[in-house]
Structure formats: C-alpha cells, structure tokens
C-alpha cells in the first residue's frame, strides 16, 4: 500500500533571526510537512535553528538533513535531540548519515577524525542506537515513541544499515542520476529490509524545480541532464503526475526540495500532500 505524500524544505541560511522564523512559518503556510536543516559549518547550527523554527510554528516538523555522524558525540547528541523533541512538542525527525561530500573538510576544521567509510557507517549506527536509548531511558524527561530516524545513503553498506534501523530512507544519489538509476538502491533496500520494507518511508531530494537551475550551482555546471530524477519540470499537474508515477513504481512518497524552490513546488504540494 502506497504511503501518503509528504513534502519538506531544506534550508539553513537567513539574513537574521526574524527571517529564519519567517522561513519556518512560510513552509508551514505552504503545506510542507517539515523544515530540514543541513549539518555544515557554512549553515546555521542545525539543532539551534530547528529549535527556533519549532517555536515559531505550530504543526511544522523540524529535522536534520542530515547530521554528520563522524563529528558528533553520539550520547551527547542523543541527549540534545531528546531535549529538542520535548521543546518541539514531538515535532522532530532525526536525519543522520556518514557525511556529505565536503564533510571531510568540516571534520578537519573541527579537529576530529573523519574515518573510513566503514567507520562512518558504524558511527551512524552508534548515533541511532543512542537516540533510541535516550527515549527508552526511564530516567529522562522524554518517552517513546520518540522521533522517526532518517538515514541518507545510496551505497550497499549504508542501505543495509538503513534497512535494519531507519524509519525513513533518503536516496542520496548524485543529482544527475536518471530515474532508472533509482531502481538499484531501492532494490538493495527492498532485499535487505525484507518484510520491513513496507514500513520504511522512501525520500528523495530535488535539486531543481522548473527550467532555471539553482543560483548556487557554478556557471559551468548549470546544464543538467534532461532525465535527471532530481530535476522536476512541467506544469504543476505534470510534475505531480511524475511524482505519482515514482510513488507507484518505486515507493518514493517523501519529497524534499531546497527552500529556494519552495514557492515553485507549492502548487504540487497542494495537489499531492496527504494523498
């Protein structure tokens, strides 16, 4: 049975605190389910930004997209996330991964080891374990069920971990991956998860909505393949039909997009959210 569509905005910058709160309220007004904050040294500190966003809204969920496990203390992080869960009234999603493309540089700037791919997968598992434990500990102020856990990945090792532990899996494929290229990671996840696969919510992040590339893409890289799955073009109805077909064929029901395209995707959100 197909899951209902949800939509999220990924954002992590604002000129001032008032603008950040306005971003959160705008996301809520447009019908987005979540405001997701990246974990980099060039964006707002995610847990602080999420707390501010939660206090400015009433139903919007807040989440990380995604926390880089290599430079986080798992037990301290779980304690802070438990506090954020409490302060947000339970409107929290915990996204975690092994680190984005530039995470190695951030780890070096923070003075912490980045580790091998295998070590980073183990660190993701450790973060998830500590988060689960924080909500099972009778000595804390929070209780189960706790927040859903999102794992971002596309490689076999991370997908195997996600199949075992995640509530949500974000397909972290390169932005020029064609739609056909989504089948392999979904297939790995299905094989690894077995009967649990139907309980997992599948997610994908859009790089672009419409014909104009995002402004942060370097000039020489602005030509995106016409069949890139991360680019959504056409009328709102045509874009909605594309997402409906992907849900039917691949199970992807949770769609996220950079805040720059929040208004461009809003008509699609209106057509599909909760359906």
Protein backbone atom coordinates (compact mmCIF):
# COMPACT_ATOMS: atom_id res chain seq x y z
CA UNK A 1 0.00 0.00 0.00
CA UNK A 2 1.39 3.41 -1.00
CA UNK A 3 2.24 5.91 1.70
CA UNK A 4 0.75 9.38 1.66
CA UNK A 5 2.84 12.12 0.10
CA UNK A 6 4.84 14.42 2.36
CA UNK A 7 7.00 17.35 1.35
CA UNK A 8 9.90 19.03 3.09
CA UNK A 9 12.00 22.17 2.63
CA UNK A 10 15.78 22.04 3.12
CA UNK A 11 17.15 25.36 4.37
CA UNK A 12 19.95 26.55 6.59
CA UNK A 13 20.60 30.23 5.91
CA UNK A 14 18.86 33.51 6.69
CA UNK A 15 19.97 37.15 6.96
CA UNK A 16 18.69 37.41 10.53
CA UNK A 17 16.65 35.58 13.15
CA UNK A 18 13.36 37.16 12.09
CA UNK A 19 13.89 35.97 8.53
CA UNK A 20 14.63 32.46 9.75
CA UNK A 21 11.40 32.35 11.74
CA UNK A 22 9.57 33.68 8.68
CA UNK A 23 11.05 30.85 6.59
CA UNK A 24 9.61 28.33 9.02
CA UNK A 25 6.19 29.97 9.07
CA UNK A 26 6.18 30.18 5.27
CA UNK A 27 6.95 26.47 4.98
CA UNK A 28 4.05 25.71 7.31
CA UNK A 29 1.67 28.03 5.43
CA UNK A 30 2.55 26.40 2.09
CA UNK A 31 1.64 22.96 3.41
CA UNK A 32 5.11 21.48 3.78
CA UNK A 33 5.45 18.78 6.40
CA UNK A 34 9.00 19.53 7.51
CA UNK A 35 11.76 22.10 7.59
CA UNK A 36 15.06 20.26 7.33
CA UNK A 37 18.40 21.81 8.25
CA UNK A 38 21.75 20.63 6.83
CA UNK A 39 24.77 19.99 9.04
CA UNK A 40 27.64 22.09 7.71
CA UNK A 41 29.93 24.81 9.01
CA UNK A 42 28.53 27.21 6.41
CA UNK A 43 24.91 26.99 7.52
CA UNK A 44 23.10 27.63 10.79
CA UNK A 45 23.85 25.17 13.61
CA UNK A 46 21.09 22.63 12.98
CA UNK A 47 19.78 21.96 16.48
CA UNK A 48 19.61 25.66 17.35
CA UNK A 49 17.95 26.51 14.03
CA UNK A 50 15.43 23.70 14.46
CA UNK A 51 14.52 24.84 17.97
CA UNK A 52 13.89 28.39 16.74
CA UNK A 53 11.80 27.11 13.83
CA UNK A 54 9.74 24.87 16.09
CA UNK A 55 8.92 27.71 18.49
CA UNK A 56 7.78 29.89 15.55
CA UNK A 57 5.31 27.29 14.21
CA UNK A 58 2.57 25.01 15.47
CA UNK A 59 2.38 21.92 13.23
CA UNK A 60 5.56 22.06 11.12
CA UNK A 61 8.00 19.26 11.85
CA UNK A 62 11.73 20.03 12.07
CA UNK A 63 14.55 17.72 11.11
CA UNK A 64 18.19 17.34 10.18
CA UNK A 65 19.28 16.70 6.59
CA UNK A 66 21.45 15.18 7.72
CA UNK A 67 23.60 15.12 10.85
CA UNK A 68 27.15 14.05 10.03
CA UNK A 69 27.86 11.20 12.43
CA UNK A 70 31.68 11.41 12.08
CA UNK A 71 31.96 14.63 14.06
CA UNK A 72 29.19 14.14 16.60
CA UNK A 73 29.40 12.63 20.09
CA UNK A 74 26.55 10.10 19.87
CA UNK A 75 25.48 10.18 23.52
CA UNK A 76 25.61 13.95 23.88
CA UNK A 77 23.82 14.35 20.55
CA UNK A 78 21.05 11.98 21.66
CA UNK A 79 20.63 13.98 24.88
CA UNK A 80 20.28 17.24 22.94
CA UNK A 81 17.86 15.69 20.45
CA UNK A 82 15.71 14.43 23.30
CA UNK A 83 15.52 17.99 24.56
CA UNK A 84 14.59 19.28 21.12
CA UNK A 85 11.89 16.60 20.85
CA UNK A 86 10.45 17.87 24.14
CA UNK A 87 10.66 21.56 23.21
CA UNK A 88 9.08 20.99 19.78
CA UNK A 89 6.18 19.01 21.18
CA UNK A 90 7.36 15.86 19.44
CA UNK A 91 7.70 17.52 16.01
CA UNK A 92 11.18 16.14 15.36
CA UNK A 93 12.77 13.96 12.68
CA UNK A 94 16.37 12.84 13.15
CA UNK A 95 18.28 12.52 9.88
CA UNK A 96 21.77 11.04 10.09
CA UNK A 97 24.39 9.99 7.59
CA UNK A 98 28.07 9.33 7.07
CA UNK A 99 28.84 12.85 5.87
CA UNK A 100 28.20 14.83 2.69
CA UNK A 101 30.83 15.46 0.03
CA UNK A 102 32.54 18.27 1.97
CA UNK A 103 32.19 16.72 5.44
CA UNK A 104 35.85 15.70 5.48
CA UNK A 105 36.87 19.37 5.35
CA UNK A 106 34.42 20.23 8.12
CA UNK A 107 35.77 17.41 10.27
CA UNK A 108 39.32 18.72 9.76
CA UNK A 109 38.22 22.24 10.71
CA UNK A 110 36.65 20.85 13.88
CA UNK A 111 39.77 18.85 14.69
CA UNK A 112 38.07 15.45 14.67
CA UNK A 113 38.89 12.34 12.59
CA UNK A 114 36.71 11.63 9.58
CA UNK A 115 37.37 7.90 9.43
CA UNK A 116 36.98 5.29 6.72
CA UNK A 117 33.68 4.52 5.02
CA UNK A 118 33.23 1.50 7.27
CA UNK A 119 33.95 3.54 10.38
CA UNK A 120 31.43 6.17 9.35
CA UNK A 121 28.72 3.56 8.86
CA UNK A 122 29.49 2.28 12.36
CA UNK A 123 29.23 5.85 13.69
CA UNK A 124 25.79 6.24 12.09
CA UNK A 125 24.71 3.03 13.81
CA UNK A 126 26.05 4.37 17.12
CA UNK A 127 24.10 7.64 16.79
CA UNK A 128 20.89 5.75 16.03
CA UNK A 129 21.44 3.43 18.98
CA UNK A 130 21.98 6.31 21.36
CA UNK A 131 18.90 8.16 20.07
CA UNK A 132 16.74 5.07 20.54
CA UNK A 133 18.21 4.53 24.01
CA UNK A 134 17.51 8.14 25.06
CA UNK A 135 13.79 7.57 24.56
CA UNK A 136 13.79 4.23 26.35
CA UNK A 137 15.60 5.53 29.45
CA UNK A 138 13.13 5.92 32.31
CA UNK A 139 15.41 8.48 33.96
CA UNK A 140 14.92 11.08 31.23
CA UNK A 141 12.08 13.57 30.75
CA UNK A 142 11.08 12.13 27.37
CA UNK A 143 9.40 8.88 26.47
CA UNK A 144 8.82 6.65 23.49
CA UNK A 145 7.95 6.51 20.69
CA UNK A 146 10.49 9.26 20.08
CA UNK A 147 11.31 10.77 16.68
CA UNK A 148 11.46 8.87 13.39
CA UNK A 149 15.01 8.27 12.20
CA UNK A 150 16.03 9.11 8.63
CA UNK A 151 19.16 7.57 7.15
CA UNK A 152 20.64 9.05 3.97
CA UNK A 153 22.62 6.75 1.73
CA UNK A 154 22.97 5.00 -1.61
CA UNK A 155 25.82 2.53 -1.12
CA UNK A 156 25.24 -1.09 -0.09
CA UNK A 157 26.63 -0.73 3.44
CA UNK A 158 24.59 2.32 4.36
CA UNK A 159 21.47 0.90 2.74
CA UNK A 160 21.92 -2.33 4.69
CA UNK A 161 22.08 -0.29 7.91
CA UNK A 162 19.06 1.77 6.83
CA UNK A 163 17.11 -1.40 6.07
CA UNK A 164 17.71 -2.55 9.62
CA UNK A 165 17.33 0.69 11.56
CA UNK A 166 15.68 3.55 9.63
CA UNK A 167 12.09 4.73 9.60
CA UNK A 168 12.83 6.94 6.57
CA UNK A 169 15.48 6.42 3.90
CA UNK A 170 16.67 9.33 1.75
CA UNK A 171 18.19 8.13 -1.52
CA UNK A 172 21.48 10.04 -1.56
CA UNK A 173 22.24 9.55 -5.25
CA UNK A 174 24.19 12.06 -7.38
CA UNK A 175 21.93 14.87 -8.67
CA UNK A 176 22.36 13.84 -12.34
CA UNK A 177 21.13 10.29 -11.67
CA UNK A 178 18.34 9.37 -14.11
CA UNK A 179 15.10 7.95 -12.77
CA UNK A 180 16.14 4.49 -13.89
CA UNK A 181 19.18 4.84 -11.63
CA UNK A 182 16.94 4.97 -8.57
CA UNK A 183 15.89 1.37 -9.04
CA UNK A 184 19.19 -0.14 -7.90
CA UNK A 185 19.32 1.47 -4.42
CA UNK A 186 15.60 0.86 -3.92
CA UNK A 187 16.14 -2.78 -4.92
CA UNK A 188 19.03 -3.17 -2.46
CA UNK A 189 16.93 -1.65 0.30
CA UNK A 190 14.00 -3.92 -0.51
CA UNK A 191 16.18 -7.03 -0.47
CA UNK A 192 17.90 -6.06 2.77
CA UNK A 193 14.74 -4.97 4.59
CA UNK A 194 12.58 -7.93 3.63
CA UNK A 195 9.17 -7.73 5.28
CA UNK A 196 10.17 -4.43 6.95
CA UNK A 197 10.43 -2.66 3.60
CA UNK A 198 6.74 -1.71 3.60
CA UNK A 199 7.23 0.15 6.89
CA UNK A 200 10.02 2.34 5.51
CA UNK A 201 9.22 5.76 4.04
CA UNK A 202 11.31 6.49 0.95
CA UNK A 203 12.52 10.02 0.31
CA UNK A 204 14.32 11.92 -2.44
CA UNK A 205 15.66 15.46 -2.60
CA UNK A 206 15.05 17.63 -5.67
CA UNK A 207 17.88 19.78 -7.00
CA UNK A 208 15.69 21.91 -9.25
CA UNK A 209 12.03 22.69 -9.89
CA UNK A 210 11.28 24.23 -13.30
CA UNK A 211 13.73 25.19 -16.03
CA UNK A 212 16.03 27.52 -14.07
CA UNK A 213 18.97 26.00 -12.18
CA UNK A 214 19.53 26.94 -8.53
CA UNK A 215 21.75 30.02 -8.14
CA UNK A 216 24.42 28.24 -6.10
CA UNK A 217 25.34 25.85 -8.92
CA UNK A 218 28.58 27.03 -10.64
CA UNK A 219 28.08 28.51 -14.12
CA UNK A 220 29.91 25.67 -15.84
CA UNK A 221 27.72 23.01 -14.22
CA UNK A 222 24.32 24.53 -14.88
CA UNK A 223 23.35 22.17 -17.68
CA UNK A 224 21.51 19.28 -16.07
CA UNK A 225 20.59 16.10 -17.89
CA UNK A 226 17.02 16.20 -19.17
CA UNK A 227 16.27 12.89 -17.50
CA UNK A 228 17.84 13.70 -14.11
CA UNK A 229 15.43 12.49 -11.45
CA UNK A 230 16.39 15.39 -9.17
CA UNK A 231 15.01 17.91 -11.68
CA UNK A 232 11.23 18.34 -11.88
CA UNK A 233 9.86 20.21 -14.88
CA UNK A 234 6.48 20.94 -16.46
CA UNK A 235 3.15 22.25 -15.21
CA UNK A 236 2.13 21.54 -11.62
CA UNK A 237 -0.12 18.74 -12.89
CA UNK A 238 2.69 17.25 -14.98
CA UNK A 239 5.12 17.41 -12.05
CA UNK A 240 2.51 15.85 -9.77
CA UNK A 241 1.98 13.04 -12.28
CA UNK A 242 5.73 12.37 -12.35
CA UNK A 243 5.81 12.05 -8.56
CA UNK A 244 2.70 9.86 -8.58
CA UNK A 245 4.33 7.51 -11.06
CA UNK A 246 7.53 7.35 -8.98
CA UNK A 247 5.50 6.50 -5.91
CA UNK A 248 3.67 3.75 -7.81
CA UNK A 249 6.84 2.29 -9.33
CA UNK A 250 9.48 2.97 -6.66
CA UNK A 251 7.62 3.81 -3.47
CA UNK A 252 9.06 7.35 -3.10
CA UNK A 253 6.49 9.40 -1.20
CA UNK A 254 8.53 11.93 0.82
CA UNK A 255 9.87 14.67 -1.46
CA UNK A 256 12.24 17.37 -0.24
CA UNK A 257 13.50 20.48 -2.01
CA UNK A 258 15.81 23.40 -1.28
CA UNK A 259 13.98 26.39 0.19
CA UNK A 260 14.84 28.42 -2.93
CA UNK A 261 12.23 26.35 -4.79
CA UNK A 262 9.62 26.25 -2.02
CA UNK A 263 7.19 28.51 -3.87
CA UNK A 264 7.79 26.79 -7.22
CA UNK A 265 6.88 23.39 -5.76
CA UNK A 266 3.99 24.70 -3.65
CA UNK A 267 1.28 24.03 -6.30
CA UNK A 268 2.44 20.39 -6.43
CA UNK A 269 2.36 20.22 -2.64
CA UNK A 270 -1.21 21.49 -2.79
CA UNK A 271 -2.12 18.77 -5.29
CA UNK A 272 -0.47 15.84 -3.52
CA UNK A 273 0.23 16.42 0.18
CA UNK A 274 -1.60 13.87 2.30
CA UNK A 275 -2.90 11.99 -0.76
